[in-house]
Amino acid sequence: MTILHIDLDYLADTLEEFLQIPSPTSYTDNIVQRCGQELDRLGVPFEVTRRGAIRAVLRGKERRPARAVAAHLDTLGAQVKKIKDNGRLSVVSIGTWSARFAEGARCTIFTDQGSYRGTILPLKSSGHTYGDEVDDQPTGWAHVEVRVDARCSGVEEARKLGIEVGDIVSVDPQPEFLDNGYICSRHLDDKAGVAVMLAALQALIPVRDQLPVDVYFLFTIEEEVGVGAANILTEDVAALIAVDNGTSAPGQNSAEFGVTVAMADQSGPFDYHLTRKLVRLCRENEIYYQKDVFRHYRSDVASAVEAGHDVRTALICFGVDASHGWERIHIHALRSLAELTTAYLLSPVAFLRDAAEIGTLKDFTVQPTEEARQELTSDVRIEEDEGSS
């Protein structure tokens, strides 16, 4: 199969624009509006759930067994927990991330009356005042506060500004796109996955008549708090792939180049046959890849399975250095992911029985063992893993 051309300028421009739209979980309306506008521009029909998750579709030759690809629009952030006597704001995290990476961050506080700029600071932020205590103080959300860039030296002044408990705090991404292909920013998880999906979608539109089955592009809004794709799949979908970050860190096999195919996350192994098909497509199309297993990580697909959806699942990743902190990726990984996504969606369906939610053992899949190989018949198809790259 011929690899589709991925417009890297479009991918990078989309990523840069989407990074600049604040979207901590629960404050996602504006990024949903922009994503919908882009789908309209591309001419792709879509639906929006009550809370804002997007389900776009490219129709294939058959309705079932449909395929779905998901990425999340929501990001990490913070929320006002208390207005302190000094007018500064105690905050709690939205999503799971360390206050160590929040210290020094520029941010925006969104209130019902408008927004204010601010900075997240440790409680002891002046070396001239605290001396060595600046270095000795603990790290944690209880040890940081938001300094509001407005006259706000007490509770009453904060209230006059309209600041209230529960207000959302968005952390500036501060993206930097380097000439050598590296991209440094907060919130690459998962704005980069969204950009990959839109670039893949753009590449597929001219050849949509070659899609063997319907394809759903899902943009979720609550992945960072564990909801993800729990409530957006249709009954037609038999396979769901998440596009998200992989952690390129000591002890992991992820990399900032190529595709990282996740074999398992903290919720358990991904679908045996689907993951191995993705690896085979990488080999056949000369897409650089590696495999990895994650133990402190979950994605959109975990929430879908936990919600009761009987779908095959997989996770394909762009390697991220310092995930949920000051993140760094490389454009090579994003291009590789977009190429693999298009290759998969254009590939033949391996198991037509997946069109039905319930079947019999007659055409059920088999996993390779020495005994099973001797008993296989020609009408049973197996996706085999021939080893790592």
Protein backbone atom coordinates (compact mmCIF):
# COMPACT_ATOMS: atom_id res chain seq x y z
CA MET A 1 0.00 0.00 0.00
CA THR A 2 1.17 3.52 -0.77
CA ILE A 3 1.57 5.81 2.22
CA LEU A 4 -0.69 8.86 1.99
CA HIS A 5 0.97 12.27 1.97
CA ILE A 6 0.65 14.06 5.31
CA ASP A 7 0.68 17.85 5.16
CA LEU A 8 3.16 18.65 7.94
CA ASP A 9 2.60 22.40 7.67
CA TYR A 10 -1.10 21.86 8.27
CA LEU A 11 -0.37 19.50 11.16
CA ALA A 12 2.05 21.91 12.85
CA ASP A 13 -0.15 24.99 12.26
CA THR A 14 -3.18 23.18 13.67
CA LEU A 15 -1.22 22.08 16.72
CA GLU A 16 0.09 25.58 17.36
CA GLU A 17 -3.37 27.13 17.06
CA PHE A 18 -5.09 24.53 19.24
CA LEU A 19 -2.41 24.85 21.92
CA GLN A 20 -3.30 28.52 22.30
CA ILE A 21 -6.97 27.77 23.09
CA PRO A 22 -7.33 27.14 26.85
CA SER A 23 -9.14 23.86 27.51
CA PRO A 24 -8.68 22.41 30.99
CA THR A 25 -11.21 19.65 31.61
CA SER A 26 -14.68 21.25 32.09
CA TYR A 27 -13.60 24.43 30.24
CA THR A 28 -13.63 22.94 26.75
CA ASP A 29 -16.48 24.74 24.94
CA ASN A 30 -14.16 27.02 22.96
CA ILE A 31 -11.83 24.27 21.75
CA VAL A 32 -14.88 22.19 20.78
CA GLN A 33 -16.20 25.14 18.76
CA ARG A 34 -12.87 25.52 16.96
CA CYS A 35 -12.55 21.79 16.27
CA GLY A 36 -16.07 21.78 14.84
CA GLN A 37 -15.24 24.74 12.63
CA GLU A 38 -12.25 22.85 11.25
CA LEU A 39 -14.35 19.77 10.52
CA ASP A 40 -16.86 22.02 8.73
CA ARG A 41 -14.03 23.51 6.68
CA LEU A 42 -12.87 20.02 5.73
CA GLY A 43 -16.42 19.07 4.79
CA VAL A 44 -16.67 16.26 7.34
CA PRO A 45 -20.07 15.75 9.02
CA PHE A 46 -20.08 15.46 12.80
CA GLU A 47 -22.28 15.36 15.88
CA VAL A 48 -21.73 16.93 19.31
CA THR A 49 -22.83 15.41 22.60
CA ARG A 50 -24.58 17.42 25.32
CA ARG A 51 -21.29 18.26 27.03
CA GLY A 52 -19.25 18.70 23.88
CA ALA A 53 -17.55 15.51 22.75
CA ILE A 54 -17.38 15.36 18.94
CA ARG A 55 -18.11 12.36 16.73
CA ALA A 56 -17.15 12.92 13.08
CA VAL A 57 -17.59 10.27 10.40
CA LEU A 58 -16.25 9.30 7.01
CA ARG A 59 -18.57 6.75 5.42
CA GLY A 60 -17.00 3.59 4.03
CA LYS A 61 -18.24 0.82 1.78
CA GLU A 62 -19.90 -0.89 4.75
CA ARG A 63 -21.43 0.43 7.98
CA ARG A 64 -20.07 -2.41 10.15
CA PRO A 65 -17.70 -3.32 11.69
CA ALA A 66 -16.91 0.38 11.99
CA ARG A 67 -13.57 1.73 13.20
CA ALA A 68 -12.94 4.67 15.51
CA VAL A 69 -9.90 6.80 16.35
CA ALA A 70 -9.91 9.04 19.42
CA ALA A 71 -7.91 11.93 20.87
CA HIS A 72 -8.82 14.30 23.67
CA LEU A 73 -9.27 18.06 23.50
CA ASP A 74 -9.08 18.64 27.25
CA THR A 75 -5.85 19.39 29.10
CA LEU A 76 -4.52 19.62 32.61
CA GLY A 77 -5.23 22.73 34.64
CA ALA A 78 -6.27 23.91 38.10
CA GLN A 79 -9.28 25.12 40.02
CA VAL A 80 -9.68 27.69 42.77
CA LYS A 81 -10.15 25.96 46.13
CA LYS A 82 -9.95 28.94 48.47
CA ILE A 83 -9.45 32.71 48.45
CA LYS A 84 -6.75 33.37 51.03
CA ASP A 85 -6.63 36.29 53.46
CA ASN A 86 -3.81 37.83 51.39
CA GLY A 87 -5.94 37.75 48.22
CA ARG A 88 -4.01 34.92 46.67
CA LEU A 89 -5.70 31.74 45.53
CA SER A 90 -5.27 28.21 46.78
CA VAL A 91 -5.78 25.79 43.92
CA VAL A 92 -6.20 22.07 43.29
CA SER A 93 -5.15 20.29 40.13
CA ILE A 94 -7.43 19.33 37.27
CA GLY A 95 -6.09 16.00 36.11
CA THR A 96 -3.03 14.34 37.57
CA TRP A 97 0.10 16.44 37.45
CA SER A 98 2.75 17.59 39.87
CA ALA A 99 2.72 21.07 41.43
CA ARG A 100 6.47 20.99 40.78
CA PHE A 101 5.65 21.78 37.13
CA ALA A 102 3.09 24.41 38.09
CA GLU A 103 5.54 26.57 40.00
CA GLY A 104 6.31 29.68 37.98
CA ALA A 105 3.64 29.05 35.36
CA ARG A 106 1.76 31.97 33.90
CA CYS A 107 -1.96 31.35 33.91
CA THR A 108 -5.45 32.72 33.34
CA ILE A 109 -8.23 32.66 35.94
CA PHE A 110 -11.66 32.43 34.31
CA THR A 111 -14.49 34.03 36.33
CA ASP A 112 -18.15 34.71 35.54
CA GLN A 113 -17.26 38.41 35.10
CA GLY A 114 -14.21 37.91 32.86
CA SER A 115 -10.68 36.59 33.07
CA TYR A 116 -7.55 37.68 34.93
CA ARG A 117 -3.92 36.87 34.36
CA GLY A 118 -1.76 35.47 37.11
CA THR A 119 1.22 33.34 38.14
CA ILE A 120 1.38 30.11 40.12
CA LEU A 121 4.03 30.59 42.81
CA PRO A 122 5.40 28.63 45.74
CA LEU A 123 4.28 30.03 49.09
CA LYS A 124 7.80 31.25 49.75
CA SER A 125 8.75 32.82 46.44
CA SER A 126 11.17 35.57 47.44
CA GLY A 127 14.79 34.69 48.14
CA HIS A 128 15.32 38.16 49.54
CA THR A 129 12.67 37.45 52.18
CA TYR A 130 13.04 33.77 52.95
CA GLY A 131 16.64 33.01 52.04
CA ASP A 132 17.39 29.28 51.96
CA GLU A 133 13.79 28.48 52.95
CA VAL A 134 12.89 29.01 49.30
CA ASP A 135 14.84 25.85 48.48
CA ASP A 136 13.79 23.89 51.55
CA GLN A 137 10.01 24.24 51.25
CA PRO A 138 7.97 21.18 50.24
CA THR A 139 6.49 20.57 46.80
CA GLY A 140 2.76 20.01 46.40
CA TRP A 141 -0.52 21.72 45.59
CA ALA A 142 -0.90 22.76 49.21
CA HIS A 143 2.40 24.67 48.85
CA VAL A 144 1.56 26.86 45.84
CA GLU A 145 -0.79 29.78 45.29
CA VAL A 146 -1.96 31.95 42.41
CA ARG A 147 -0.92 35.61 42.46
CA VAL A 148 -3.59 37.55 40.53
CA ASP A 149 -2.40 40.39 38.29
CA ALA A 150 -4.99 42.83 39.63
CA ARG A 151 -5.56 44.75 42.84
CA CYS A 152 -6.26 41.75 45.02
CA SER A 153 -4.72 41.92 48.48
CA GLY A 154 -7.58 40.39 50.44
CA VAL A 155 -10.75 38.32 50.28
CA GLU A 156 -13.07 41.27 49.67
CA GLU A 157 -10.98 42.65 46.81
CA ALA A 158 -10.90 39.20 45.20
CA ARG A 159 -14.66 38.96 45.48
CA LYS A 160 -15.10 42.40 43.92
CA LEU A 161 -13.11 41.09 40.95
CA GLY A 162 -15.63 38.28 40.69
CA ILE A 163 -13.19 35.54 41.70
CA GLU A 164 -14.93 32.62 43.39
CA VAL A 165 -14.19 29.14 44.62
CA GLY A 166 -14.41 26.72 41.71
CA ASP A 167 -13.14 29.11 39.03
CA ILE A 168 -11.01 27.42 36.38
CA VAL A 169 -7.31 28.19 36.01
CA SER A 170 -5.66 27.55 32.64
CA VAL A 171 -1.88 27.23 32.42
CA ASP A 172 -0.12 28.90 29.48
CA PRO A 173 1.32 26.36 27.00
CA GLN A 174 4.25 28.57 25.88
CA PRO A 175 4.89 26.50 22.72
CA GLU A 176 8.15 26.60 20.83
CA PHE A 177 8.53 24.99 17.40
CA LEU A 178 12.21 24.45 16.58
CA ASP A 179 13.71 24.25 13.10
CA ASN A 180 15.11 20.78 13.86
CA GLY A 181 11.62 19.35 14.33
CA TYR A 182 11.40 19.40 18.11
CA ILE A 183 8.31 20.92 19.70
CA CYS A 184 8.36 22.06 23.32
CA SER A 185 5.17 23.04 25.12
CA ARG A 186 2.72 22.24 27.83
CA HIS A 187 -0.46 20.40 26.78
CA LEU A 188 1.06 18.47 23.87
CA ASP A 189 -0.94 15.76 25.62
CA ASP A 190 -3.19 15.61 23.73
CA LYS A 191 -3.38 18.61 21.41
CA ALA A 192 -0.70 16.84 19.35
CA GLY A 193 -2.95 13.78 19.07
CA VAL A 194 -5.80 16.00 17.88
CA ALA A 195 -3.54 17.57 15.24
CA VAL A 196 -2.46 14.10 14.09
CA MET A 197 -6.07 13.03 13.68
CA LEU A 198 -7.03 16.13 11.71
CA ALA A 199 -3.98 15.74 9.45
CA ALA A 200 -4.87 12.08 8.86
CA LEU A 201 -8.47 13.05 8.18
CA GLN A 202 -7.37 15.68 5.68
CA ALA A 203 -5.24 13.08 3.86
CA LEU A 204 -8.09 10.53 3.76
CA ILE A 205 -10.76 12.82 2.34
CA PRO A 206 -9.60 12.53 -1.31
CA VAL A 207 -9.59 8.70 -1.07
CA ARG A 208 -12.59 8.23 1.20
CA ASP A 209 -14.23 5.98 -1.39
CA GLN A 210 -11.52 3.40 -0.61
CA LEU A 211 -12.45 3.06 3.06
CA PRO A 212 -13.71 -0.49 3.63
CA VAL A 213 -15.95 0.48 6.56
CA ASP A 214 -17.22 3.60 8.30
CA VAL A 215 -14.60 5.52 10.27
CA TYR A 216 -15.39 7.67 13.29
CA PHE A 217 -13.04 10.40 14.46
CA LEU A 218 -13.75 11.03 18.15
CA PHE A 219 -12.65 14.16 20.00
CA THR A 220 -13.26 13.69 23.72
CA ILE A 221 -13.34 16.32 26.46
CA GLU A 222 -12.78 14.56 29.81
CA GLU A 223 -9.87 12.18 29.31
CA GLU A 224 -7.67 13.85 31.93
CA VAL A 225 -10.20 12.98 34.64
CA GLY A 226 -10.82 9.41 33.44
CA VAL A 227 -14.07 9.75 31.47
CA GLY A 228 -12.61 9.86 27.94
CA ALA A 229 -14.50 7.88 25.32
CA ALA A 230 -16.92 6.30 27.81
CA ASN A 231 -20.03 7.83 26.26
CA ILE A 232 -19.39 8.57 22.60
CA LEU A 233 -19.16 5.24 20.73
CA THR A 234 -21.96 3.97 18.49
CA GLU A 235 -23.06 0.34 18.37
CA ASP A 236 -21.45 0.02 14.94
CA VAL A 237 -17.91 0.53 16.27
CA ALA A 238 -15.94 -2.69 16.75
CA ALA A 239 -12.41 -1.29 17.09
CA LEU A 240 -11.18 1.83 18.90
CA ILE A 241 -7.66 3.29 18.72
CA ALA A 242 -6.52 6.15 20.92
CA VAL A 243 -3.87 8.59 19.69
CA ASP A 244 -2.06 9.95 22.73
CA ASN A 245 1.34 10.43 24.30
CA GLY A 246 3.86 7.76 25.22
CA THR A 247 6.35 8.37 27.99
CA SER A 248 9.92 8.44 26.71
CA ALA A 249 11.66 8.12 30.06
CA PRO A 250 14.18 5.78 31.73
CA GLY A 251 12.71 2.31 31.99
CA GLN A 252 10.37 2.86 29.05
CA ASN A 253 10.78 1.85 25.42
CA SER A 254 8.97 4.87 23.93
CA ALA A 255 10.87 7.32 21.73
CA GLU A 256 10.34 10.79 20.34
CA PHE A 257 10.70 9.39 16.82
CA GLY A 258 8.35 7.05 15.00
CA VAL A 259 5.24 5.39 16.40
CA THR A 260 5.13 3.90 19.86
CA VAL A 261 2.64 1.02 19.87
CA ALA A 262 1.41 0.48 23.42
CA MET A 263 0.97 -3.18 24.30
CA ALA A 264 -0.63 -2.45 27.69
CA ASP A 265 -1.39 0.32 30.15
CA GLN A 266 -2.48 0.27 33.80
CA SER A 267 -5.87 -1.15 32.78
CA GLY A 268 -4.22 -4.20 31.18
CA PRO A 269 -3.13 -5.47 27.74
CA PHE A 270 -4.69 -4.06 24.60
CA ASP A 271 -6.38 -6.25 22.00
CA TYR A 272 -4.00 -8.96 20.85
CA HIS A 273 -4.99 -8.95 17.19
CA LEU A 274 -5.40 -5.20 16.71
CA THR A 275 -2.05 -4.26 18.24
CA ARG A 276 -0.25 -6.82 16.12
CA LYS A 277 -2.00 -5.63 12.98
CA LEU A 278 -0.75 -2.10 13.71
CA VAL A 279 2.79 -3.41 14.11
CA ARG A 280 2.50 -5.32 10.85
CA LEU A 281 1.26 -2.19 9.06
CA CYS A 282 4.29 -0.30 10.36
CA ARG A 283 6.58 -2.96 8.91
CA GLU A 284 4.79 -3.19 5.59
CA ASN A 285 4.80 0.59 5.14
CA GLU A 286 8.29 1.17 6.55
CA ILE A 287 6.99 3.30 9.41
CA TYR A 288 9.55 3.41 12.21
CA TYR A 289 8.09 2.07 15.44
CA GLN A 290 8.73 0.60 18.86
CA LYS A 291 6.54 -1.14 21.45
CA ASP A 292 6.05 -0.17 25.07
CA VAL A 293 4.10 -1.07 28.22
CA PHE A 294 2.80 1.65 30.55
CA ARG A 295 2.08 1.16 34.25
CA HIS A 296 1.03 4.66 35.37
CA TYR A 297 -1.07 5.62 32.38
CA ARG A 298 -4.52 5.19 30.88
CA SER A 299 -6.21 6.64 27.80
CA ASP A 300 -9.57 7.09 26.10
CA VAL A 301 -9.86 3.40 25.28
CA ALA A 302 -9.66 2.28 28.92
CA SER A 303 -12.69 4.40 29.79
CA ALA A 304 -14.63 2.99 26.83
CA VAL A 305 -14.05 -0.60 27.91
CA GLU A 306 -14.84 0.19 31.55
CA ALA A 307 -18.10 1.78 30.40
CA GLY A 308 -19.10 -1.57 28.91
CA HIS A 309 -18.26 -1.15 25.21
CA ASP A 310 -17.25 -4.49 23.67
CA VAL A 311 -14.62 -3.19 21.26
CA ARG A 312 -11.11 -4.14 20.25
CA THR A 313 -8.72 -1.53 21.64
CA ALA A 314 -5.26 -0.18 20.90
CA LEU A 315 -3.14 2.84 21.76
CA ILE A 316 -0.63 4.46 19.43
CA CYS A 317 1.61 7.17 20.79
CA PHE A 318 4.00 10.00 20.05
CA GLY A 319 6.88 9.80 22.51
CA VAL A 320 6.83 12.67 25.02
CA ASP A 321 9.71 13.66 27.23
CA ALA A 322 8.57 15.00 30.66
CA SER A 323 4.92 14.09 30.16
CA HIS A 324 2.41 16.17 32.18
CA GLY A 325 5.20 18.68 32.74
CA TRP A 326 7.34 20.69 30.31
CA GLU A 327 6.70 18.34 27.40
CA ARG A 328 8.80 17.79 24.29
CA ILE A 329 8.01 15.82 21.14
CA HIS A 330 9.32 15.60 17.56
CA ILE A 331 7.37 16.19 14.36
CA HIS A 332 8.70 12.86 13.03
CA ALA A 333 6.52 10.99 15.52
CA LEU A 334 3.44 13.01 14.57
CA ARG A 335 3.95 12.32 10.87
CA SER A 336 4.51 8.62 11.59
CA LEU A 337 1.30 8.42 13.61
CA ALA A 338 -0.72 10.12 10.89
CA GLU A 339 0.72 7.72 8.31
CA LEU A 340 -0.11 4.68 10.43
CA THR A 341 -3.62 5.97 11.11
CA THR A 342 -4.36 6.33 7.40
CA ALA A 343 -2.78 2.96 6.60
CA TYR A 344 -4.92 1.25 9.21
CA LEU A 345 -8.17 2.91 8.19
CA LEU A 346 -7.63 1.96 4.54
CA SER A 347 -6.61 -1.62 5.33
CA PRO A 348 -8.98 -4.59 4.88
CA VAL A 349 -11.04 -5.64 7.88
CA ALA A 350 -9.41 -8.68 9.46
CA PHE A 351 -12.45 -10.09 11.24
CA LEU A 352 -15.77 -9.61 9.49
CA ARG A 353 -17.50 -11.41 12.38
CA ASP A 354 -16.94 -8.24 14.40
CA ALA A 355 -19.86 -6.69 12.49
CA ALA A 356 -22.15 -8.59 14.86
CA GLU A 357 -22.01 -8.02 18.60
CA ILE A 358 -22.65 -11.71 19.33
CA GLY A 359 -21.56 -14.73 17.28
CA THR A 360 -20.51 -18.36 17.61
CA LEU A 361 -17.18 -20.14 17.95
CA LYS A 362 -17.34 -21.20 14.32
CA ASP A 363 -15.59 -18.07 13.04
CA PHE A 364 -14.05 -16.88 16.31
CA THR A 365 -10.39 -15.83 16.31
CA VAL A 366 -7.44 -17.97 17.36
CA GLN A 367 -4.15 -16.99 18.93
CA PRO A 368 -1.01 -18.83 17.85
CA THR A 369 0.27 -21.78 19.83
CA GLU A 370 2.04 -24.78 18.41
CA GLU A 371 -1.09 -26.88 18.84
CA ALA A 372 -3.41 -24.24 17.41
CA ARG A 373 -1.31 -23.87 14.27
CA GLN A 374 -1.74 -27.56 13.49
CA GLU A 375 -5.51 -27.31 13.76
CA LEU A 376 -6.12 -24.06 11.85
CA THR A 377 -8.41 -24.13 8.86
CA SER A 378 -8.15 -21.83 5.87
CA ASP A 379 -11.29 -19.87 6.75
CA VAL A 380 -9.86 -18.52 10.02
CA ARG A 381 -7.65 -15.45 9.75
CA ILE A 382 -5.01 -14.63 12.34
CA GLU A 383 -3.01 -11.46 12.74
CA GLU A 384 0.39 -12.73 13.88
CA ASP A 385 3.16 -10.84 15.51
CA GLU A 386 6.41 -11.66 13.73
CA GLY A 387 8.60 -10.02 16.35
CA SER A 388 9.72 -6.51 17.14
CA SER A 389 11.37 -4.12 14.77
